[in-house]
Protein backbone atom coordinates (compact mmCIF):
# COMPACT_ATOMS: atom_id res chain seq x y z
CA UNK A 1 -123.94 -126.33 12.43
CA UNK A 2 -126.92 -126.90 14.71
CA UNK A 3 -129.40 -124.03 14.90
CA UNK A 4 -131.74 -122.99 17.68
CA UNK A 5 -135.50 -123.36 17.28
CA UNK A 6 -137.76 -120.42 18.08
CA UNK A 7 -141.51 -121.09 18.11
CA UNK A 8 -143.25 -117.77 17.67
CA UNK A 9 -146.51 -116.80 19.42
CA UNK A 10 -148.92 -117.68 16.59
CA UNK A 11 -147.26 -121.07 16.13
CA UNK A 12 -147.54 -121.74 19.89
CA UNK A 13 -151.25 -120.90 19.68
CA UNK A 14 -151.58 -123.20 16.65
CA UNK A 15 -149.91 -126.05 18.55
CA UNK A 16 -152.29 -125.60 21.51
CA UNK A 17 -155.31 -125.70 19.17
CA UNK A 18 -153.98 -128.81 17.42
CA UNK A 19 -153.44 -130.54 20.76
CA UNK A 20 -157.00 -129.72 21.85
CA UNK A 21 -158.42 -130.92 18.53
CA UNK A 22 -156.44 -134.16 18.42
CA UNK A 23 -157.14 -134.91 22.09
CA UNK A 24 -160.77 -135.27 21.09
CA UNK A 25 -159.75 -138.47 19.30
CA UNK A 26 -157.92 -139.92 22.30
CA UNK A 27 -154.35 -139.59 23.53
CA UNK A 28 -152.62 -141.48 20.69
CA UNK A 29 -153.18 -138.95 17.87
CA UNK A 30 -151.97 -136.08 20.03
CA UNK A 31 -148.87 -138.04 21.12
CA UNK A 32 -148.09 -139.04 17.53
CA UNK A 33 -148.39 -135.43 16.39
CA UNK A 34 -146.09 -134.24 19.20
CA UNK A 35 -143.49 -136.82 18.18
CA UNK A 36 -143.76 -135.79 14.53
CA UNK A 37 -143.29 -132.13 15.47
CA UNK A 38 -140.27 -132.98 17.65
CA UNK A 39 -138.76 -134.98 14.79
CA UNK A 40 -139.24 -132.00 12.47
CA UNK A 41 -137.47 -129.73 14.98
CA UNK A 42 -134.57 -132.16 15.33
CA UNK A 43 -134.17 -132.50 11.56
CA UNK A 44 -134.48 -128.82 10.73
CA UNK A 45 -131.99 -127.76 13.44
CA UNK A 46 -129.28 -129.72 11.64
CA UNK A 47 -130.40 -129.03 8.07
CA UNK A 48 -132.60 -125.89 7.91
CA UNK A 49 -133.01 -125.72 4.11
CA UNK A 50 -134.16 -129.34 3.87
CA UNK A 51 -137.76 -128.30 3.16
CA UNK A 52 -138.82 -126.32 0.11
CA UNK A 53 -139.79 -122.70 -0.15
CA UNK A 54 -143.46 -121.82 0.16
CA UNK A 55 -144.67 -121.04 -3.36
CA UNK A 56 -146.99 -118.20 -2.30
CA UNK A 57 -144.31 -116.46 -0.25
CA UNK A 58 -140.77 -117.79 -0.78
CA UNK A 59 -139.52 -115.94 2.30
CA UNK A 60 -140.88 -118.98 4.20
CA UNK A 61 -140.15 -122.67 3.97
CA UNK A 62 -142.89 -125.26 4.35
CA UNK A 63 -142.69 -128.72 5.87
CA UNK A 64 -145.47 -131.31 5.86
CA UNK A 65 -145.72 -133.53 8.92
CA UNK A 66 -148.16 -136.08 10.34
CA UNK A 67 -151.89 -135.67 9.63
CA UNK A 68 -151.13 -133.21 6.79
CA UNK A 69 -150.08 -130.37 9.09
CA UNK A 70 -147.89 -127.71 7.54
CA UNK A 71 -145.09 -125.95 9.37
CA UNK A 72 -144.06 -122.55 8.04
CA UNK A 73 -140.64 -121.33 9.08
CA UNK A 74 -137.74 -119.06 8.22
CA UNK A 75 -134.03 -119.57 8.63
CA UNK A 76 -132.36 -116.65 10.40
CA UNK A 77 -128.71 -117.29 9.71
CA UNK A 78 -127.59 -114.07 11.39
CA UNK A 79 -128.97 -115.32 14.71
CA UNK A 80 -128.42 -119.04 14.04
CA UNK A 81 -132.14 -119.65 14.52
CA UNK A 82 -135.01 -121.41 12.78
CA UNK A 83 -138.16 -119.38 13.44
CA UNK A 84 -141.43 -121.30 13.30
CA UNK A 85 -144.25 -118.94 12.34
CA UNK A 86 -147.33 -121.15 11.90
CA UNK A 87 -148.50 -124.76 12.12
CA UNK A 88 -151.68 -125.21 10.10
CA UNK A 89 -153.66 -128.07 8.64
CA UNK A 90 -153.10 -128.53 4.92
CA UNK A 91 -156.81 -128.29 4.12
CA UNK A 92 -156.89 -124.67 5.25
CA UNK A 93 -156.31 -121.85 2.82
CA UNK A 94 -152.81 -120.99 3.99
CA UNK A 95 -152.13 -118.16 1.53
CA UNK A 96 -153.48 -115.50 3.89
CA UNK A 97 -152.15 -116.88 7.17
CA UNK A 98 -148.48 -116.23 6.58
């Protein structure tokens, strides 16, 4: 069953910051990141548990996409929705952001 994707406020803010940062390197990196994020959304809609649980807080799942960005999300089966909470670079200390 295909689920809906819900990008929560903090994740939207993260995506804006990532776009601004990557745009500083030209249009290609930002475009590639957008495509990678879209591919993640397409994949996770059809198979939400495909990515592993986040070891510091197993309530969340964590996906790694292009440029070592991490996507933290939860599967809300009651509402048939994948909720994306944060999109952060893997070099950041992510333990306290989720």
